[in-house]
Amino acid sequence: MPARRLQPVPAAGPDTKTPRKTTTRRSVAKAADEGTQLELLLVLRNRLAKAIDDKATPPRDLSSLSRRLMEVSREIQALERQEAEDADQTDHGDDAFDPSTV
């Protein structure tokens, strides 16, 4: 019987209970056409990080790329926080019934 290879589990995003979708192989154009705003930002963040790490990126571009990376990261955090708050507000299925609220 051949050995089975283990697959890594994606890391969970901050303040989330489910693993974050991996977006490293998705193009920015495809994410813009087919994905959510959060998915687009995640792909864009990864693309910016690759450009910053690329030795062929001109030094004059590093400042603006870094600034935009930080902006995108803040937008991702804000969207994830908002999604977590929305999920908390709509998840009331297990609350005890209180007849006085009717």
Protein backbone atom coordinates (compact mmCIF):
# COMPACT_ATOMS: atom_id res chain seq x y z
CA MET A 1 0.00 0.00 0.00
CA PRO A 2 1.59 3.33 -1.06
CA ALA A 3 2.07 6.02 1.56
CA ARG A 4 -0.38 8.91 1.39
CA ARG A 5 0.99 12.42 1.23
CA LEU A 6 -0.26 14.88 3.80
CA GLN A 7 -1.69 18.15 2.56
CA PRO A 8 -1.13 21.38 4.51
CA VAL A 9 -4.18 23.12 5.91
CA PRO A 10 -4.41 26.82 5.05
CA ALA A 11 -3.92 29.13 8.00
CA ALA A 12 -7.02 30.73 9.42
CA GLY A 13 -7.38 34.44 8.91
CA PRO A 14 -7.53 36.76 11.93
CA ASP A 15 -10.84 36.66 13.80
CA THR A 16 -12.18 33.87 11.60
CA LYS A 17 -13.20 30.36 12.46
CA THR A 18 -12.68 28.88 9.01
CA PRO A 19 -9.45 28.60 7.03
CA ARG A 20 -8.82 31.36 4.55
CA LYS A 21 -9.07 30.39 0.89
CA THR A 22 -5.74 30.15 -0.84
CA THR A 23 -5.43 32.72 -3.58
CA THR A 24 -1.80 32.43 -4.55
CA ARG A 25 -2.43 30.79 -7.94
CA ARG A 26 -5.27 33.02 -9.01
CA SER A 27 -4.65 35.95 -11.33
CA VAL A 28 -5.67 39.47 -10.40
CA ALA A 29 -7.85 39.70 -13.52
CA LYS A 30 -9.65 36.44 -12.72
CA ALA A 31 -10.22 37.50 -9.10
CA ALA A 32 -11.62 40.83 -10.32
CA ASP A 33 -13.99 39.05 -12.71
CA GLU A 34 -15.09 36.12 -10.57
CA GLY A 35 -14.18 36.75 -6.94
CA THR A 36 -15.41 38.76 -4.01
CA GLN A 37 -13.85 42.03 -2.93
CA LEU A 38 -11.90 40.18 -0.24
CA GLU A 39 -10.60 37.59 -2.70
CA LEU A 40 -9.48 40.34 -5.05
CA LEU A 41 -7.64 42.12 -2.25
CA LEU A 42 -5.93 38.89 -1.16
CA VAL A 43 -4.71 38.19 -4.69
CA LEU A 44 -3.60 41.81 -5.09
CA ARG A 45 -1.72 41.66 -1.78
CA ASN A 46 0.11 38.54 -2.90
CA ARG A 47 0.96 40.12 -6.26
CA LEU A 48 2.31 43.26 -4.61
CA ALA A 49 4.42 41.20 -2.20
CA LYS A 50 5.91 39.24 -5.11
CA ALA A 51 6.76 42.46 -6.94
CA ILE A 52 8.45 43.86 -3.83
CA ASP A 53 10.50 40.67 -3.37
CA ASP A 54 11.46 40.50 -7.04
CA LYS A 55 15.10 41.54 -7.54
CA ALA A 56 14.18 42.94 -10.98
CA THR A 57 11.80 45.52 -9.47
CA PRO A 58 13.39 48.95 -9.83
CA PRO A 59 14.31 50.50 -6.47
CA ARG A 60 12.33 53.64 -7.35
CA ASP A 61 9.13 51.54 -7.36
CA LEU A 62 9.63 49.92 -3.95
CA SER A 63 8.28 52.85 -1.97
CA SER A 64 4.97 53.07 -3.83
CA LEU A 65 4.58 49.28 -3.94
CA SER A 66 5.21 49.04 -0.19
CA ARG A 67 2.76 51.84 0.55
CA ARG A 68 0.07 50.18 -1.58
CA LEU A 69 0.76 46.81 0.09
CA MET A 70 0.12 48.36 3.49
CA GLU A 71 -3.10 49.99 2.24
CA VAL A 72 -4.37 46.71 0.80
CA SER A 73 -3.49 44.90 4.04
CA ARG A 74 -5.54 47.43 6.03
CA GLU A 75 -8.48 47.01 3.62
CA ILE A 76 -8.29 43.22 4.05
CA GLN A 77 -8.31 43.53 7.83
CA ALA A 78 -11.28 45.89 7.72
CA LEU A 79 -13.27 43.56 5.44
CA GLU A 80 -12.43 40.50 7.56
CA ARG A 81 -13.45 42.37 10.71
CA GLN A 82 -16.71 43.44 9.07
CA GLU A 83 -17.44 39.89 7.89
CA ALA A 84 -16.79 38.56 11.41
CA GLU A 85 -19.12 41.19 12.92
CA ASP A 86 -21.82 40.40 10.35
CA ALA A 87 -21.51 36.69 11.10
CA ASP A 88 -21.80 37.35 14.84
CA GLN A 89 -24.91 39.49 14.37
CA THR A 90 -26.73 36.96 12.19
CA ASP A 91 -25.82 33.85 14.22
CA HIS A 92 -28.61 33.79 16.80
CA GLY A 93 -29.98 30.31 16.11
CA ASP A 94 -29.02 28.87 19.50
CA ASP A 95 -30.40 31.66 21.69
CA ALA A 96 -33.05 30.68 24.22
CA PHE A 97 -36.58 31.79 23.44
CA ASP A 98 -37.74 34.74 25.54
CA PRO A 99 -41.51 35.25 25.27
CA SER A 100 -41.25 38.80 26.64
CA THR A 101 -39.48 39.93 23.48
CA VAL A 102 -42.52 39.18 21.30
